[in-house]
Amino acid sequence: MITGGSSSGVAIAVQGLCQEAGIIFMAGLTHSNDTTGKDKKANGFRHFFNGYMSAAALAPVLADRYGTDRKAYHLTADYTWGWTQQASMAAATEAKGWETVANVLTPLTTTDFSSYVAPVINSGADVLVLNHYGGNMINSLTSAVQFGLKDKMVNNKNFEIVVPLYSRLMARGAGDNVKGIFGSTNWHWSLQDEGSKAFVQSFGQEYGFPPSQAAHTVYCQTLLYADACERAGTHNPCGVGEALEGFKFSGLGNGDVEYRAEDHQCFKDVLVVKGKENPTSEFDLLEVVEVTPRAQVEYEPENEFFAGGSLGSCNAGG
């Protein structure tokens, strides 16, 4: 079994290689719709949520906090994750009454976003959606704040910035700039269910700080793989895959969970978070403002954002 990864482009490529080699791929941080959409594979499984789920969780909160009459300008990382995240966010916010005034693609190699942020000022937009992750998000958000967007009034409204996908490392890198900015996350160490508390305690004893969503995701993937091997009584990839398909479980921090057989996507509750105004430490940067129930972020396998592709048949390898 292979797990890990922090880029959807890489995850999709590794998933394809695992399919060819007859190895189970328990995806790590991959948020593109395509991982369990057009690029899904029988040998691949994803515990992490996706762009559609982020948008489904965020849009109602954004409409409630900022109103339904909003004009959004999107800056989007130019690869599979950015494309599917932006399309999901645009559709979900437009369904709430927002207007998408622009979507500008930015190369992954971009470090200076000033030339991309400057046009936002005169665009008529009153919301900037940063479909960026990792270093891209840190740099683009920093640039937006330096241009004074957080302090502007546009269309008689406070200008707002949204970061659809958060991680603690991103929040730490962006510093004070994340304060008050909404986004989503797969899991957070502050959750008070018994599974989360047990994991946070064990991880903290071992490493001296609370786990990130990345640590949680890959731990869960490894645990689920081991459990599937036990239940199947084999390490044969097809036997393990059969044990994972349609598997329902709880206790890992996101309520009642299911690995859907049709696309190997894990369905669970999604967290809407925002940058904390008064953090108590470098690990206490995000606060959970809403736990969005699984039913609100679920979709049919033939949903337009996941169309195309086929799981195909499991490959048991050599």
C-alpha atoms as a PDB file:
ATOM      1  CA  MET A   1       0.000   0.000   0.000  1.00  0.00           C
ATOM      2  CA  ILE A   2       1.099   3.543  -0.708  1.00  0.00           C
ATOM      3  CA  THR A   3      -0.221   6.597   1.127  1.00  0.00           C
ATOM      4  CA  GLY A   4       0.762  10.248   1.443  1.00  0.00           C
ATOM      5  CA  GLY A   5       1.029  13.142  -0.976  1.00  0.00           C
ATOM      6  CA  SER A   6       0.152  16.824  -0.726  1.00  0.00           C
ATOM      7  CA  SER A   7      -0.735  17.700  -4.328  1.00  0.00           C
ATOM      8  CA  SER A   8      -3.733  16.508  -6.300  1.00  0.00           C
ATOM      9  CA  GLY A   9      -1.687  16.451  -9.498  1.00  0.00           C
ATOM     10  CA  VAL A  10       0.836  14.135  -7.848  1.00  0.00           C
ATOM     11  CA  ALA A  11      -1.864  12.051  -6.145  1.00  0.00           C
ATOM     12  CA  ILE A  12      -3.700  11.439  -9.409  1.00  0.00           C
ATOM     13  CA  ALA A  13      -0.447  10.379 -11.087  1.00  0.00           C
ATOM     14  CA  VAL A  14       0.508   8.059  -8.207  1.00  0.00           C
ATOM     15  CA  GLN A  15      -3.002   6.613  -8.142  1.00  0.00           C
ATOM     16  CA  GLY A  16      -2.674   5.755 -11.829  1.00  0.00           C
ATOM     17  CA  LEU A  17       0.695   4.090 -11.248  1.00  0.00           C
ATOM     18  CA  CYS A  18      -0.700   2.089  -8.327  1.00  0.00           C
ATOM     19  CA  GLN A  19      -3.546   0.913 -10.542  1.00  0.00           C
ATOM     20  CA  GLU A  20      -1.050  -0.275 -13.164  1.00  0.00           C
ATOM     21  CA  ALA A  21       1.196  -1.961 -10.580  1.00  0.00           C
ATOM     22  CA  GLY A  22      -1.563  -3.654  -8.604  1.00  0.00           C
ATOM     23  CA  ILE A  23      -1.045  -1.713  -5.350  1.00  0.00           C
ATOM     24  CA  ILE A  24      -3.637  -0.064  -3.116  1.00  0.00           C
ATOM     25  CA  PHE A  25      -3.322   3.741  -2.977  1.00  0.00           C
ATOM     26  CA  MET A  26      -4.737   5.336   0.195  1.00  0.00           C
ATOM     27  CA  ALA A  27      -4.625   8.975  -0.901  1.00  0.00           C
ATOM     28  CA  GLY A  28      -3.315  11.625   1.474  1.00  0.00           C
ATOM     29  CA  LEU A  29      -3.890  15.341   0.878  1.00  0.00           C
ATOM     30  CA  THR A  30      -5.692  15.472  -2.445  1.00  0.00           C
ATOM     31  CA  HIS A  31      -8.674  17.811  -2.708  1.00  0.00           C
ATOM     32  CA  SER A  32      -9.364  17.883  -6.466  1.00  0.00           C
ATOM     33  CA  ASN A  33     -12.762  16.570  -7.507  1.00  0.00           C
ATOM     34  CA  ASP A  34     -10.982  14.596 -10.223  1.00  0.00           C
ATOM     35  CA  THR A  35      -9.241  12.205  -7.796  1.00  0.00           C
ATOM     36  CA  THR A  36     -12.524  10.400  -7.216  1.00  0.00           C
ATOM     37  CA  GLY A  37     -14.132  11.879 -10.338  1.00  0.00           C
ATOM     38  CA  LYS A  38     -12.843  11.496 -13.883  1.00  0.00           C
ATOM     39  CA  ASP A  39      -9.477  10.116 -12.669  1.00  0.00           C
ATOM     40  CA  LYS A  40     -10.820   7.610 -10.108  1.00  0.00           C
ATOM     41  CA  LYS A  41      -9.282   4.128 -10.035  1.00  0.00           C
ATOM     42  CA  ALA A  42     -10.356   0.825  -8.525  1.00  0.00           C
ATOM     43  CA  ASN A  43      -7.106   0.589  -6.551  1.00  0.00           C
ATOM     44  CA  GLY A  44      -7.445   4.121  -5.136  1.00  0.00           C
ATOM     45  CA  PHE A  45      -9.324   5.311  -2.018  1.00  0.00           C
ATOM     46  CA  ARG A  46      -9.651   8.827  -0.570  1.00  0.00           C
ATOM     47  CA  HIS A  47     -10.374   9.700   3.070  1.00  0.00           C
ATOM     48  CA  PHE A  48      -9.843  13.443   2.463  1.00  0.00           C
ATOM     49  CA  PHE A  49     -12.763  15.602   1.332  1.00  0.00           C
ATOM     50  CA  ASN A  50     -12.867  17.423  -2.027  1.00  0.00           C
ATOM     51  CA  GLY A  51     -13.531  20.794  -3.638  1.00  0.00           C
ATOM     52  CA  TYR A  52     -17.228  20.168  -4.117  1.00  0.00           C
ATOM     53  CA  MET A  53     -17.631  19.357  -0.427  1.00  0.00           C
ATOM     54  CA  SER A  54     -15.738  22.507   0.611  1.00  0.00           C
ATOM     55  CA  ALA A  55     -17.996  24.638  -1.566  1.00  0.00           C
ATOM     56  CA  ALA A  56     -21.171  22.930  -0.338  1.00  0.00           C
ATOM     57  CA  ALA A  57     -20.146  23.591   3.267  1.00  0.00           C
ATOM     58  CA  LEU A  58     -18.843  27.136   2.750  1.00  0.00           C
ATOM     59  CA  ALA A  59     -21.457  28.720   0.488  1.00  0.00           C
ATOM     60  CA  PRO A  60     -24.307  28.790   3.048  1.00  0.00           C
ATOM     61  CA  VAL A  61     -22.004  30.209   5.736  1.00  0.00           C
ATOM     62  CA  LEU A  62     -20.632  32.881   3.384  1.00  0.00           C
ATOM     63  CA  ALA A  63     -24.138  33.863   2.266  1.00  0.00           C
ATOM     64  CA  ASP A  64     -25.258  34.098   5.873  1.00  0.00           C
ATOM     65  CA  ARG A  65     -22.270  36.176   7.018  1.00  0.00           C
ATOM     66  CA  TYR A  66     -21.699  38.347   3.941  1.00  0.00           C
ATOM     67  CA  GLY A  67     -25.100  38.415   2.236  1.00  0.00           C
ATOM     68  CA  THR A  68     -26.348  37.037  -1.071  1.00  0.00           C
ATOM     69  CA  ASP A  69     -25.630  40.128  -3.192  1.00  0.00           C
ATOM     70  CA  ARG A  70     -21.910  39.714  -3.681  1.00  0.00           C
ATOM     71  CA  LYS A  71     -19.467  39.960  -6.596  1.00  0.00           C
ATOM     72  CA  ALA A  72     -16.582  37.480  -6.434  1.00  0.00           C
ATOM     73  CA  TYR A  73     -13.184  37.659  -8.130  1.00  0.00           C
ATOM     74  CA  HIS A  74     -11.325  34.326  -8.225  1.00  0.00           C
ATOM     75  CA  LEU A  75      -7.579  33.740  -8.406  1.00  0.00           C
ATOM     76  CA  THR A  76      -7.016  30.089  -9.217  1.00  0.00           C
ATOM     77  CA  ALA A  77      -3.990  27.803  -9.198  1.00  0.00           C
ATOM     78  CA  ASP A  78      -3.601  26.515 -12.743  1.00  0.00           C
ATOM     79  CA  TYR A  79      -3.858  22.741 -12.229  1.00  0.00           C
ATOM     80  CA  THR A  80      -6.449  20.082 -11.493  1.00  0.00           C
ATOM     81  CA  TRP A  81      -7.120  21.099  -7.891  1.00  0.00           C
ATOM     82  CA  GLY A  82      -7.477  24.804  -8.639  1.00  0.00           C
ATOM     83  CA  TRP A  83      -9.770  24.209 -11.606  1.00  0.00           C
ATOM     84  CA  THR A  84     -12.167  21.942  -9.744  1.00  0.00           C
ATOM     85  CA  GLN A  85     -12.085  24.004  -6.538  1.00  0.00           C
ATOM     86  CA  GLN A  86     -12.921  27.201  -8.413  1.00  0.00           C
ATOM     87  CA  ALA A  87     -15.706  25.610 -10.452  1.00  0.00           C
ATOM     88  CA  SER A  88     -17.238  24.178  -7.282  1.00  0.00           C
ATOM     89  CA  MET A  89     -17.015  27.471  -5.361  1.00  0.00           C
ATOM     90  CA  ALA A  90     -18.408  29.512  -8.236  1.00  0.00           C
ATOM     91  CA  ALA A  91     -21.386  27.194  -8.699  1.00  0.00           C
ATOM     92  CA  ALA A  92     -22.177  26.966  -4.972  1.00  0.00           C
ATOM     93  CA  THR A  93     -21.941  30.725  -4.342  1.00  0.00           C
ATOM     94  CA  GLU A  94     -23.831  31.620  -7.527  1.00  0.00           C
ATOM     95  CA  ALA A  95     -26.624  29.349  -6.315  1.00  0.00           C
ATOM     96  CA  LYS A  96     -26.791  31.651  -3.261  1.00  0.00           C
ATOM     97  CA  GLY A  97     -27.021  34.766  -5.436  1.00  0.00           C
ATOM     98  CA  TRP A  98     -23.366  35.727  -5.839  1.00  0.00           C
ATOM     99  CA  GLU A  99     -21.945  36.853  -9.182  1.00  0.00           C
ATOM    100  CA  THR A 100     -18.566  35.622 -10.423  1.00  0.00           C
ATOM    101  CA  VAL A 101     -16.958  38.627 -12.123  1.00  0.00           C
ATOM    102  CA  ALA A 102     -13.619  37.049 -13.046  1.00  0.00           C
ATOM    103  CA  ASN A 103     -11.519  33.907 -12.760  1.00  0.00           C
ATOM    104  CA  VAL A 104      -7.810  34.393 -13.368  1.00  0.00           C
ATOM    105  CA  LEU A 105      -5.481  31.390 -13.542  1.00  0.00           C
ATOM    106  CA  THR A 106      -2.101  31.688 -11.812  1.00  0.00           C
ATOM    107  CA  PRO A 107       0.920  29.449 -12.529  1.00  0.00           C
ATOM    108  CA  LEU A 108       2.031  27.195  -9.665  1.00  0.00           C
ATOM    109  CA  THR A 109       5.491  28.751  -9.861  1.00  0.00           C
ATOM    110  CA  THR A 110       4.153  32.232  -8.993  1.00  0.00           C
ATOM    111  CA  THR A 111       5.665  33.785  -5.872  1.00  0.00           C
ATOM    112  CA  ASP A 112       4.803  37.464  -6.428  1.00  0.00           C
ATOM    113  CA  PHE A 113       1.033  37.863  -6.797  1.00  0.00           C
ATOM    114  CA  SER A 114       0.950  41.671  -6.905  1.00  0.00           C
ATOM    115  CA  SER A 115       0.224  41.766 -10.644  1.00  0.00           C
ATOM    116  CA  TYR A 116      -2.725  39.413 -10.095  1.00  0.00           C
ATOM    117  CA  VAL A 117      -4.120  41.197  -7.047  1.00  0.00           C
ATOM    118  CA  ALA A 118      -3.875  44.764  -8.390  1.00  0.00           C
ATOM    119  CA  PRO A 119      -6.663  44.359 -11.002  1.00  0.00           C
ATOM    120  CA  VAL A 120      -9.073  43.214  -8.283  1.00  0.00           C
ATOM    121  CA  ILE A 121      -9.240  46.756  -6.899  1.00  0.00           C
ATOM    122  CA  ASN A 122     -10.993  48.191  -9.968  1.00  0.00           C
ATOM    123  CA  SER A 123     -12.946  45.080 -10.941  1.00  0.00           C
ATOM    124  CA  GLY A 124     -16.124  45.904  -9.057  1.00  0.00           C
ATOM    125  CA  ALA A 125     -15.704  42.746  -6.968  1.00  0.00           C
ATOM    126  CA  ASP A 126     -16.271  42.888  -3.218  1.00  0.00           C
ATOM    127  CA  VAL A 127     -14.972  39.377  -2.464  1.00  0.00           C
ATOM    128  CA  LEU A 128     -11.658  37.783  -3.434  1.00  0.00           C
ATOM    129  CA  VAL A 129     -11.638  33.987  -3.495  1.00  0.00           C
ATOM    130  CA  LEU A 130      -8.133  32.546  -3.333  1.00  0.00           C
ATOM    131  CA  ASN A 131      -8.215  29.086  -4.852  1.00  0.00           C
ATOM    132  CA  HIS A 132      -4.615  28.609  -3.769  1.00  0.00           C
ATOM    133  CA  TYR A 133      -2.909  26.140  -1.469  1.00  0.00           C
ATOM    134  CA  GLY A 134       0.384  25.984   0.396  1.00  0.00           C
ATOM    135  CA  GLY A 135       2.947  28.605  -0.519  1.00  0.00           C
ATOM    136  CA  ASN A 136       0.706  30.023  -3.255  1.00  0.00           C
ATOM    137  CA  MET A 137      -1.983  30.817  -0.700  1.00  0.00           C
ATOM    138  CA  ILE A 138       0.489  32.339   1.764  1.00  0.00           C
ATOM    139  CA  ASN A 139       1.915  34.622  -0.928  1.00  0.00           C
ATOM    140  CA  SER A 140      -1.378  35.592  -2.576  1.00  0.00           C
ATOM    141  CA  LEU A 141      -3.094  36.346   0.733  1.00  0.00           C
ATOM    142  CA  THR A 142      -0.102  38.372   1.892  1.00  0.00           C
ATOM    143  CA  SER A 143      -0.226  40.367  -1.333  1.00  0.00           C
ATOM    144  CA  ALA A 144      -3.981  40.960  -0.994  1.00  0.00           C
ATOM    145  CA  VAL A 145      -3.544  42.278   2.541  1.00  0.00           C
ATOM    146  CA  GLN A 146      -0.625  44.491   1.484  1.00  0.00           C
ATOM    147  CA  PHE A 147      -2.885  46.023  -1.174  1.00  0.00           C
ATOM    148  CA  GLY A 148      -5.298  46.902   1.625  1.00  0.00           C
ATOM    149  CA  LEU A 149      -8.168  44.756   0.410  1.00  0.00           C
ATOM    150  CA  LYS A 150      -9.209  43.686   3.913  1.00  0.00           C
ATOM    151  CA  ASP A 151      -9.773  47.336   4.824  1.00  0.00           C
ATOM    152  CA  LYS A 152     -11.646  48.449   1.695  1.00  0.00           C
ATOM    153  CA  MET A 153     -15.322  49.257   1.203  1.00  0.00           C
ATOM    154  CA  VAL A 154     -16.721  48.246  -2.193  1.00  0.00           C
ATOM    155  CA  ASN A 155     -20.365  48.387  -3.293  1.00  0.00           C
ATOM    156  CA  ASN A 156     -21.126  49.763   0.202  1.00  0.00           C
ATOM    157  CA  LYS A 157     -19.856  46.520   1.708  1.00  0.00           C
ATOM    158  CA  ASN A 158     -16.732  45.489   3.573  1.00  0.00           C
ATOM    159  CA  PHE A 159     -14.389  43.770   1.141  1.00  0.00           C
ATOM    160  CA  GLU A 160     -13.927  40.108   2.086  1.00  0.00           C
ATOM    161  CA  ILE A 161     -11.358  37.420   1.296  1.00  0.00           C
ATOM    162  CA  VAL A 162     -12.108  33.684   1.267  1.00  0.00           C
ATOM    163  CA  VAL A 163      -9.629  30.793   1.330  1.00  0.00           C
ATOM    164  CA  PRO A 164     -11.683  27.672   0.426  1.00  0.00           C
ATOM    165  CA  LEU A 165      -9.103  25.140   1.663  1.00  0.00           C
ATOM    166  CA  TYR A 166      -7.067  25.729   4.811  1.00  0.00           C
ATOM    167  CA  SER A 167      -4.234  23.906   6.501  1.00  0.00           C
ATOM    168  CA  ARG A 168      -2.497  24.805   9.740  1.00  0.00           C
ATOM    169  CA  LEU A 169       0.854  25.173   7.977  1.00  0.00           C
ATOM    170  CA  MET A 170      -0.713  27.673   5.583  1.00  0.00           C
ATOM    171  CA  ALA A 171      -2.308  29.586   8.438  1.00  0.00           C
ATOM    172  CA  ARG A 172       1.009  29.704  10.279  1.00  0.00           C
ATOM    173  CA  GLY A 173       2.844  30.881   7.181  1.00  0.00           C
ATOM    174  CA  ALA A 174       0.339  33.654   6.513  1.00  0.00           C
ATOM    175  CA  GLY A 175       0.430  34.876  10.123  1.00  0.00           C
ATOM    176  CA  ASP A 176      -1.992  37.623  11.153  1.00  0.00           C
ATOM    177  CA  ASN A 177      -3.329  37.842   7.601  1.00  0.00           C
ATOM    178  CA  VAL A 178      -5.633  34.847   8.168  1.00  0.00           C
ATOM    179  CA  LYS A 179      -7.523  36.435  11.057  1.00  0.00           C
ATOM    180  CA  GLY A 180     -11.258  36.389  10.376  1.00  0.00           C
ATOM    181  CA  ILE A 181     -10.936  34.725   6.965  1.00  0.00           C
ATOM    182  CA  PHE A 182     -13.256  31.804   6.263  1.00  0.00           C
ATOM    183  CA  GLY A 183     -12.324  28.481   4.725  1.00  0.00           C
ATOM    184  CA  SER A 184     -12.790  24.758   5.184  1.00  0.00           C
ATOM    185  CA  THR A 185     -10.733  21.911   6.562  1.00  0.00           C
ATOM    186  CA  ASN A 186     -10.993  18.141   6.720  1.00  0.00           C
ATOM    187  CA  TRP A 187     -10.422  17.807  10.487  1.00  0.00           C
ATOM    188  CA  HIS A 188      -9.178  19.884  13.413  1.00  0.00           C
ATOM    189  CA  TRP A 189      -7.473  18.908  16.644  1.00  0.00           C
ATOM    190  CA  SER A 190      -9.965  20.897  18.741  1.00  0.00           C
ATOM    191  CA  LEU A 191     -12.831  18.495  17.989  1.00  0.00           C
ATOM    192  CA  GLN A 192     -14.230  16.969  21.165  1.00  0.00           C
ATOM    193  CA  ASP A 193     -15.402  13.537  20.004  1.00  0.00           C
ATOM    194  CA  GLU A 194     -13.684  10.623  21.742  1.00  0.00           C
ATOM    195  CA  GLY A 195     -11.741   9.506  18.663  1.00  0.00           C
ATOM    196  CA  SER A 196     -10.266  12.947  18.018  1.00  0.00           C
ATOM    197  CA  LYS A 197      -9.378  13.467  21.685  1.00  0.00           C
ATOM    198  CA  ALA A 198      -7.621  10.090  21.858  1.00  0.00           C
ATOM    199  CA  PHE A 199      -5.614  10.792  18.693  1.00  0.00           C
ATOM    200  CA  VAL A 200      -4.660  14.309  19.825  1.00  0.00           C
ATOM    201  CA  GLN A 201      -3.513  12.990  23.203  1.00  0.00           C
ATOM    202  CA  SER A 202      -1.418  10.156  21.733  1.00  0.00           C
ATOM    203  CA  PHE A 203       0.081  12.347  19.020  1.00  0.00           C
ATOM    204  CA  GLY A 204       0.875  15.091  21.531  1.00  0.00           C
ATOM    205  CA  GLN A 205       2.626  12.673  23.864  1.00  0.00           C
ATOM    206  CA  GLU A 206       4.777  11.436  20.982  1.00  0.00           C
ATOM    207  CA  TYR A 207       5.615  14.713  19.233  1.00  0.00           C
ATOM    208  CA  GLY A 208       4.899  17.496  21.715  1.00  0.00           C
ATOM    209  CA  PHE A 209       2.306  19.360  19.637  1.00  0.00           C
ATOM    210  CA  PRO A 210      -1.209  18.685  18.274  1.00  0.00           C
ATOM    211  CA  PRO A 211      -1.633  16.853  14.941  1.00  0.00           C
ATOM    212  CA  SER A 212      -2.445  18.604  11.685  1.00  0.00           C
ATOM    213  CA  GLN A 213      -5.199  17.531   9.306  1.00  0.00           C
ATOM    214  CA  ALA A 214      -2.456  15.950   7.193  1.00  0.00           C
ATOM    215  CA  ALA A 215      -1.239  13.801  10.083  1.00  0.00           C
ATOM    216  CA  HIS A 216      -4.815  12.833  10.888  1.00  0.00           C
ATOM    217  CA  THR A 217      -5.688  11.971   7.283  1.00  0.00           C
ATOM    218  CA  VAL A 218      -2.726   9.713   6.622  1.00  0.00           C
ATOM    219  CA  TYR A 219      -3.028   8.054  10.041  1.00  0.00           C
ATOM    220  CA  CYS A 220      -6.681   7.294   9.257  1.00  0.00           C
ATOM    221  CA  GLN A 221      -5.800   5.939   5.821  1.00  0.00           C
ATOM    222  CA  THR A 222      -3.184   3.594   7.290  1.00  0.00           C
ATOM    223  CA  LEU A 223      -5.514   2.466  10.068  1.00  0.00           C
ATOM    224  CA  LEU A 224      -8.334   1.821   7.583  1.00  0.00           C
ATOM    225  CA  TYR A 225      -6.026  -0.173   5.331  1.00  0.00           C
ATOM    226  CA  ALA A 226      -4.851  -2.337   8.231  1.00  0.00           C
ATOM    227  CA  ASP A 227      -8.435  -2.859   9.350  1.00  0.00           C
ATOM    228  CA  ALA A 228      -9.485  -3.850   5.815  1.00  0.00           C
ATOM    229  CA  CYS A 229      -6.652  -6.395   5.644  1.00  0.00           C
ATOM    230  CA  GLU A 230      -7.833  -7.919   8.929  1.00  0.00           C
ATOM    231  CA  ARG A 231     -11.461  -8.028   7.861  1.00  0.00           C
ATOM    232  CA  ALA A 232     -10.583  -9.461   4.445  1.00  0.00           C
ATOM    233  CA  GLY A 233      -8.054 -11.915   5.869  1.00  0.00           C
ATOM    234  CA  THR A 234      -5.617 -11.030   3.099  1.00  0.00           C
ATOM    235  CA  HIS A 235      -3.188  -8.429   1.753  1.00  0.00           C
ATOM    236  CA  ASN A 236      -4.377  -9.115  -1.795  1.00  0.00           C
ATOM    237  CA  PRO A 237      -5.286  -5.661  -3.183  1.00  0.00           C
ATOM    238  CA  CYS A 238      -8.607  -6.873  -4.586  1.00  0.00           C
ATOM    239  CA  GLY A 239      -9.615  -8.475  -1.301  1.00  0.00           C
ATOM    240  CA  VAL A 240      -8.649  -5.308   0.565  1.00  0.00           C
ATOM    241  CA  GLY A 241     -10.489  -3.148  -1.961  1.00  0.00           C
ATOM    242  CA  GLU A 242     -13.627  -5.232  -1.572  1.00  0.00           C
ATOM    243  CA  ALA A 243     -13.444  -4.790   2.215  1.00  0.00           C
ATOM    244  CA  LEU A 244     -13.109  -1.000   1.840  1.00  0.00           C
ATOM    245  CA  GLU A 245     -15.905  -0.520  -0.704  1.00  0.00           C
ATOM    246  CA  GLY A 246     -19.077   0.574   1.025  1.00  0.00           C
ATOM    247  CA  PHE A 247     -17.402   0.303   4.438  1.00  0.00           C
ATOM    248  CA  LYS A 248     -19.200   2.307   7.138  1.00  0.00           C
ATOM    249  CA  PHE A 249     -17.443   3.349  10.332  1.00  0.00           C
ATOM    250  CA  SER A 250     -17.185   6.006  13.034  1.00  0.00           C
ATOM    251  CA  GLY A 251     -14.710   7.053  15.697  1.00  0.00           C
ATOM    252  CA  LEU A 252     -12.158   8.891  13.537  1.00  0.00           C
ATOM    253  CA  GLY A 253     -13.389  12.405  14.165  1.00  0.00           C
ATOM    254  CA  ASN A 254     -15.962  13.234  11.483  1.00  0.00           C
ATOM    255  CA  GLY A 255     -19.121  11.482  12.595  1.00  0.00           C
ATOM    256  CA  ASP A 256     -20.588   8.529  10.725  1.00  0.00           C
ATOM    257  CA  VAL A 257     -18.458   7.842   7.675  1.00  0.00           C
ATOM    258  CA  GLU A 258     -18.709   5.749   4.506  1.00  0.00           C
ATOM    259  CA  TYR A 259     -16.318   4.778   1.704  1.00  0.00           C
ATOM    260  CA  ARG A 260     -18.748   4.855  -1.223  1.00  0.00           C
ATOM    261  CA  ALA A 261     -18.357   1.818  -3.446  1.00  0.00           C
ATOM    262  CA  GLU A 262     -19.153   3.679  -6.681  1.00  0.00           C
ATOM    263  CA  ASP A 263     -16.184   6.071  -6.563  1.00  0.00           C
ATOM    264  CA  HIS A 264     -14.128   5.264  -3.412  1.00  0.00           C
ATOM    265  CA  GLN A 265     -14.792   8.724  -1.968  1.00  0.00           C
ATOM    266  CA  CYS A 266     -15.132   8.981   1.792  1.00  0.00           C
ATOM    267  CA  PHE A 267     -18.228  10.873   2.921  1.00  0.00           C
ATOM    268  CA  LYS A 268     -18.285  12.564   6.310  1.00  0.00           C
ATOM    269  CA  ASP A 269     -18.911  15.861   8.093  1.00  0.00           C
ATOM    270  CA  VAL A 270     -16.928  18.890   6.836  1.00  0.00           C
ATOM    271  CA  LEU A 271     -15.549  21.708   8.991  1.00  0.00           C
ATOM    272  CA  VAL A 272     -15.994  25.385   8.170  1.00  0.00           C
ATOM    273  CA  VAL A 273     -13.256  27.364   9.910  1.00  0.00           C
ATOM    274  CA  LYS A 274     -11.901  30.884  10.097  1.00  0.00           C
ATOM    275  CA  GLY A 275      -8.610  32.423  11.140  1.00  0.00           C
ATOM    276  CA  LYS A 276      -8.629  32.926  14.899  1.00  0.00           C
ATOM    277  CA  GLU A 277      -8.554  36.535  16.099  1.00  0.00           C
ATOM    278  CA  ASN A 278      -6.674  35.770  19.337  1.00  0.00           C
ATOM    279  CA  PRO A 279      -4.595  32.602  18.912  1.00  0.00           C
ATOM    280  CA  THR A 280      -2.987  31.160  22.034  1.00  0.00           C
ATOM    281  CA  SER A 281      -0.124  29.409  20.215  1.00  0.00           C
ATOM    282  CA  GLU A 282       1.310  28.711  16.766  1.00  0.00           C
ATOM    283  CA  PHE A 283      -0.950  25.647  16.609  1.00  0.00           C
ATOM    284  CA  ASP A 284      -4.136  27.456  17.655  1.00  0.00           C
ATOM    285  CA  LEU A 285      -4.681  29.473  14.469  1.00  0.00           C
ATOM    286  CA  LEU A 286      -8.051  28.251  13.191  1.00  0.00           C
ATOM    287  CA  GLU A 287     -11.387  27.998  14.942  1.00  0.00           C
ATOM    288  CA  VAL A 288     -14.242  25.739  13.900  1.00  0.00           C
ATOM    289  CA  VAL A 289     -17.345  27.849  13.231  1.00  0.00           C
ATOM    290  CA  GLU A 290     -19.560  25.105  11.872  1.00  0.00           C
ATOM    291  CA  VAL A 291     -19.533  21.329  11.538  1.00  0.00           C
ATOM    292  CA  THR A 292     -21.393  20.800   8.279  1.00  0.00           C
ATOM    293  CA  PRO A 293     -23.317  17.518   8.359  1.00  0.00           C
ATOM    294  CA  ARG A 294     -22.399  14.865   5.847  1.00  0.00           C
ATOM    295  CA  ALA A 295     -25.856  15.004   4.222  1.00  0.00           C
ATOM    296  CA  GLN A 296     -25.234  18.615   3.107  1.00  0.00           C
ATOM    297  CA  VAL A 297     -22.034  17.797   1.186  1.00  0.00           C
ATOM    298  CA  GLU A 298     -23.032  14.454  -0.383  1.00  0.00           C
ATOM    299  CA  TYR A 299     -23.740  14.128  -4.093  1.00  0.00           C
ATOM    300  CA  GLU A 300     -24.706  11.460  -6.600  1.00  0.00           C
ATOM    301  CA  PRO A 301     -21.894   9.564  -8.368  1.00  0.00           C
ATOM    302  CA  GLU A 302     -23.003  10.998 -11.729  1.00  0.00           C
ATOM    303  CA  ASN A 303     -22.792  14.629 -10.461  1.00  0.00           C
ATOM    304  CA  GLU A 304     -21.516  16.916 -13.249  1.00  0.00           C
ATOM    305  CA  PHE A 305     -18.419  17.877 -11.256  1.00  0.00           C
ATOM    306  CA  PHE A 306     -17.353  14.214 -11.142  1.00  0.00           C
ATOM    307  CA  ALA A 307     -18.439  13.073 -14.594  1.00  0.00           C
ATOM    308  CA  GLY A 308     -16.295  10.889 -16.799  1.00  0.00           C
ATOM    309  CA  GLY A 309     -13.825   8.194 -16.031  1.00  0.00           C
ATOM    310  CA  SER A 310     -14.429   4.781 -14.568  1.00  0.00           C
ATOM    311  CA  LEU A 311     -13.103   2.868 -11.594  1.00  0.00           C
ATOM    312  CA  GLY A 312     -12.377  -0.065 -13.861  1.00  0.00           C
ATOM    313  CA  SER A 313     -11.406  -3.383 -12.356  1.00  0.00           C
ATOM    314  CA  CYS A 314      -9.158  -3.979  -9.381  1.00  0.00           C
ATOM    315  CA  ASN A 315      -5.592  -4.981 -10.278  1.00  0.00           C
ATOM    316  CA  ALA A 316      -4.142  -7.567  -7.888  1.00  0.00           C
ATOM    317  CA  GLY A 317      -0.655  -7.128  -9.298  1.00  0.00           C
ATOM    318  CA  GLY A 318       1.925  -9.910  -9.275  1.00  0.00           C
END
